[in-house]
Amino acid sequence: MMQMLRTELKKALCNRMLLLSLLIGCILSLLHVWQIQRDVSPLVQDMKNMLNYDPNFAVSFDGVSLFIHWMAHSFLELGSSIFYFIWPLLAAIPYGCSYYQDRKSGLFNQMVSRCSVKQYYFSKYMSAFVSGGIVVSIPVLLNLLVNALFLPAIKPNPGLPLYLIRNGQAFSALYYAHP
């Protein structure tokens, strides 16, 4: 069973369609970063200028925080909207057609003769799950890391209505203490 799982994972991860899906996801992620930088950079610069002009000026950077503008929190930009609209397709593209190709080529019958059908389906399922998870999670993590280069990681303020997690919701204390 482990040999079949290793084989299926290798087929899933050494696949041109996986690279294509990753490329599409990363392009959408970087489009989101570009849109955020285009909109937020002037605000950050204006705030810095105000602090340079009057160091005693009370300015809050909460509105330009990383925790507000990364792709998992910001849904209004075109890059993140398209990504979240097509992420099921991106997850299915890398290994979604493998079962059909195995049936069409006769590989299914050969595999089932060497192991049980349950083992075959488990290997296919796990391979599709891992490849889909990689294709969806890498662009989101890329977005977080690239946005972290430009945006300040200001600790969320529970008194402001800027965050998706409101004060008093499940695990909100953890989010506001350790974002």
Foldseek 3Di string as FASTA:
>chain_A
DVVLLVVLLVLLVPFVLLVVLLVLLQVLLVQLLVVLCVPCVVVVVVVVVVCVVPVVDDDDQQVQALQCRALVRDCPDPSSVVCVVCLVVSLCRRQVCVVVVCVVVVVLVVVCVVDPPVVNVVSSVVSSVVSSVVSNPVSSVVSSVVSVVPTHNDQDDLVDPRGPDHPPDPCVVVNNVPD
